[in-house]
C-alpha atoms as a PDB file:
ATOM      1  CA  GLU A   1      32.058  65.114  54.323  1.00  0.00           C
ATOM      2  CA  MET A   2      30.191  64.799  57.633  1.00  0.00           C
ATOM      3  CA  VAL A   3      33.125  66.245  59.620  1.00  0.00           C
ATOM      4  CA  TYR A   4      33.377  69.207  57.244  1.00  0.00           C
ATOM      5  CA  ALA A   5      29.625  69.836  57.483  1.00  0.00           C
ATOM      6  CA  LYS A   6      29.767  69.717  61.297  1.00  0.00           C
ATOM      7  CA  ILE A   7      32.619  72.267  61.380  1.00  0.00           C
ATOM      8  CA  LEU A   8      30.777  74.528  58.940  1.00  0.00           C
ATOM      9  CA  GLN A   9      27.512  74.319  60.856  1.00  0.00           C
ATOM     10  CA  LYS A  10      29.217  75.071  64.163  1.00  0.00           C
ATOM     11  CA  LYS A  11      30.749  78.163  62.551  1.00  0.00           C
ATOM     12  CA  TYR A  12      27.344  79.453  61.429  1.00  0.00           C
ATOM     13  CA  LEU A  13      25.337  78.836  64.604  1.00  0.00           C
ATOM     14  CA  PRO A  14      25.840  81.370  67.401  1.00  0.00           C
ATOM     15  CA  GLU A  15      27.784  80.059  70.377  1.00  0.00           C
ATOM     16  CA  LYS A  16      27.188  83.048  72.631  1.00  0.00           C
ATOM     17  CA  LYS A  17      24.001  84.746  73.705  1.00  0.00           C
ATOM     18  CA  ILE A  18      23.510  88.448  73.195  1.00  0.00           C
ATOM     19  CA  SER A  19      22.666  90.530  76.226  1.00  0.00           C
ATOM     20  CA  ILE A  20      19.072  91.698  76.256  1.00  0.00           C
ATOM     21  CA  PRO A  21      17.896  93.891  79.142  1.00  0.00           C
ATOM     22  CA  GLU A  22      15.228  92.278  81.317  1.00  0.00           C
ATOM     23  CA  LEU A  23      15.339  88.959  79.434  1.00  0.00           C
ATOM     24  CA  ASP A  24      17.081  85.840  80.621  1.00  0.00           C
ATOM     25  CA  TYR A  25      17.318  83.015  78.109  1.00  0.00           C
ATOM     26  CA  ASP A  26      19.566  80.111  77.248  1.00  0.00           C
ATOM     27  CA  LEU A  27      20.352  77.937  74.260  1.00  0.00           C
ATOM     28  CA  PHE A  28      20.937  74.240  73.756  1.00  0.00           C
ATOM     29  CA  TYR A  29      21.573  72.511  70.447  1.00  0.00           C
ATOM     30  CA  LEU A  30      21.801  68.765  69.900  1.00  0.00           C
ATOM     31  CA  PRO A  31      21.276  67.502  66.341  1.00  0.00           C
ATOM     32  CA  LEU A  32      19.805  64.060  65.692  1.00  0.00           C
ATOM     33  CA  LEU A  33      22.800  63.225  63.502  1.00  0.00           C
ATOM     34  CA  HIS A  34      26.176  64.960  63.567  1.00  0.00           C
ATOM     35  CA  VAL A  35      24.615  67.854  61.664  1.00  0.00           C
ATOM     36  CA  SER A  36      21.091  68.938  60.847  1.00  0.00           C
ATOM     37  CA  GLY A  37      19.057  71.649  59.178  1.00  0.00           C
ATOM     38  CA  ASP A  38      18.110  73.320  62.445  1.00  0.00           C
ATOM     39  CA  TYR A  39      18.829  77.035  62.512  1.00  0.00           C
ATOM     40  CA  TYR A  40      18.655  79.468  65.391  1.00  0.00           C
ATOM     41  CA  ASP A  41      19.937  82.977  65.693  1.00  0.00           C
ATOM     42  CA  PHE A  42      19.423  86.187  67.624  1.00  0.00           C
ATOM     43  CA  LEU A  43      20.114  89.653  66.329  1.00  0.00           C
ATOM     44  CA  LYS A  44      19.887  93.192  67.635  1.00  0.00           C
ATOM     45  CA  LEU A  45      17.835  95.268  65.196  1.00  0.00           C
ATOM     46  CA  SER A  46      17.965  98.624  67.004  1.00  0.00           C
ATOM     47  CA  ASN A  47      18.181 100.080  70.503  1.00  0.00           C
ATOM     48  CA  GLN A  48      15.105  98.297  71.816  1.00  0.00           C
ATOM     49  CA  LYS A  49      14.409  95.673  69.125  1.00  0.00           C
ATOM     50  CA  TYR A  50      15.781  92.157  69.033  1.00  0.00           C
ATOM     51  CA  LEU A  51      15.035  89.279  66.720  1.00  0.00           C
ATOM     52  CA  PHE A  52      15.044  85.581  67.596  1.00  0.00           C
ATOM     53  CA  VAL A  53      15.009  83.105  64.729  1.00  0.00           C
ATOM     54  CA  LEU A  54      14.138  79.410  64.980  1.00  0.00           C
ATOM     55  CA  ALA A  55      13.898  77.342  61.807  1.00  0.00           C
ATOM     56  CA  ASP A  56      13.977  73.747  60.703  1.00  0.00           C
ATOM     57  CA  ILE A  57      15.189  73.001  57.196  1.00  0.00           C
ATOM     58  CA  VAL A  58      13.573  69.872  55.757  1.00  0.00           C
ATOM     59  CA  GLY A  59      15.745  66.783  56.090  1.00  0.00           C
ATOM     60  CA  HIS A  60      18.757  65.752  58.102  1.00  0.00           C
ATOM     61  CA  GLY A  61      22.465  65.446  57.575  1.00  0.00           C
ATOM     62  CA  VAL A  62      24.833  67.226  55.266  1.00  0.00           C
ATOM     63  CA  GLN A  63      22.321  68.541  52.713  1.00  0.00           C
ATOM     64  CA  ALA A  64      20.100  70.069  55.383  1.00  0.00           C
ATOM     65  CA  ALA A  65      23.127  71.603  57.127  1.00  0.00           C
ATOM     66  CA  MET A  66      24.297  73.178  53.859  1.00  0.00           C
ATOM     67  CA  MET A  67      20.823  74.621  53.238  1.00  0.00           C
ATOM     68  CA  MET A  68      20.839  75.998  56.792  1.00  0.00           C
ATOM     69  CA  THR A  69      24.032  77.947  56.062  1.00  0.00           C
ATOM     70  CA  VAL A  70      22.496  79.359  52.872  1.00  0.00           C
ATOM     71  CA  CYS A  71      19.370  80.406  54.799  1.00  0.00           C
ATOM     72  CA  LYS A  72      21.449  82.120  57.465  1.00  0.00           C
ATOM     73  CA  VAL A  73      23.429  84.135  54.921  1.00  0.00           C
ATOM     74  CA  LEU A  74      20.246  85.178  53.102  1.00  0.00           C
ATOM     75  CA  PHE A  75      18.494  86.014  56.363  1.00  0.00           C
ATOM     76  CA  HIS A  76      21.355  88.251  57.503  1.00  0.00           C
ATOM     77  CA  GLN A  77      21.294  90.046  54.140  1.00  0.00           C
ATOM     78  CA  ILE A  78      17.573  90.711  54.604  1.00  0.00           C
ATOM     79  CA  VAL A  79      18.103  91.990  58.166  1.00  0.00           C
ATOM     80  CA  ASP A  80      20.867  94.284  56.915  1.00  0.00           C
ATOM     81  CA  ALA A  81      18.411  95.800  54.422  1.00  0.00           C
ATOM     82  CA  TYR A  82      15.317  96.024  56.665  1.00  0.00           C
ATOM     83  CA  ASP A  83      14.826  96.706  60.356  1.00  0.00           C
ATOM     84  CA  GLN A  84      11.062  96.307  60.736  1.00  0.00           C
ATOM     85  CA  PRO A  85       9.961  92.754  61.649  1.00  0.00           C
ATOM     86  CA  SER A  86       7.048  92.914  59.187  1.00  0.00           C
ATOM     87  CA  ASP A  87       9.440  93.833  56.327  1.00  0.00           C
ATOM     88  CA  ILE A  88      11.879  91.086  57.339  1.00  0.00           C
ATOM     89  CA  LEU A  89       9.114  88.500  57.434  1.00  0.00           C
ATOM     90  CA  GLU A  90       7.721  89.586  54.095  1.00  0.00           C
END
């Protein structure tokens, strides 16, 4: 179960950065256990708008990792429907 959750979580967390003009950033992810509920993402909303997401689902382990994948899917559906940060947050 833990191995499956780790594979699934790795699939849902971005491995590559997106290129953003005039911004240099990096990413590093190291869960406390093999998997966790930590979620990060970066998305291009439009020509000059980018969105960084950092979230921590309550708990650790498989259940938190599964909830993280659900949150990511829902978040991407919201971003597909709205492009204004205030609408996305609401």
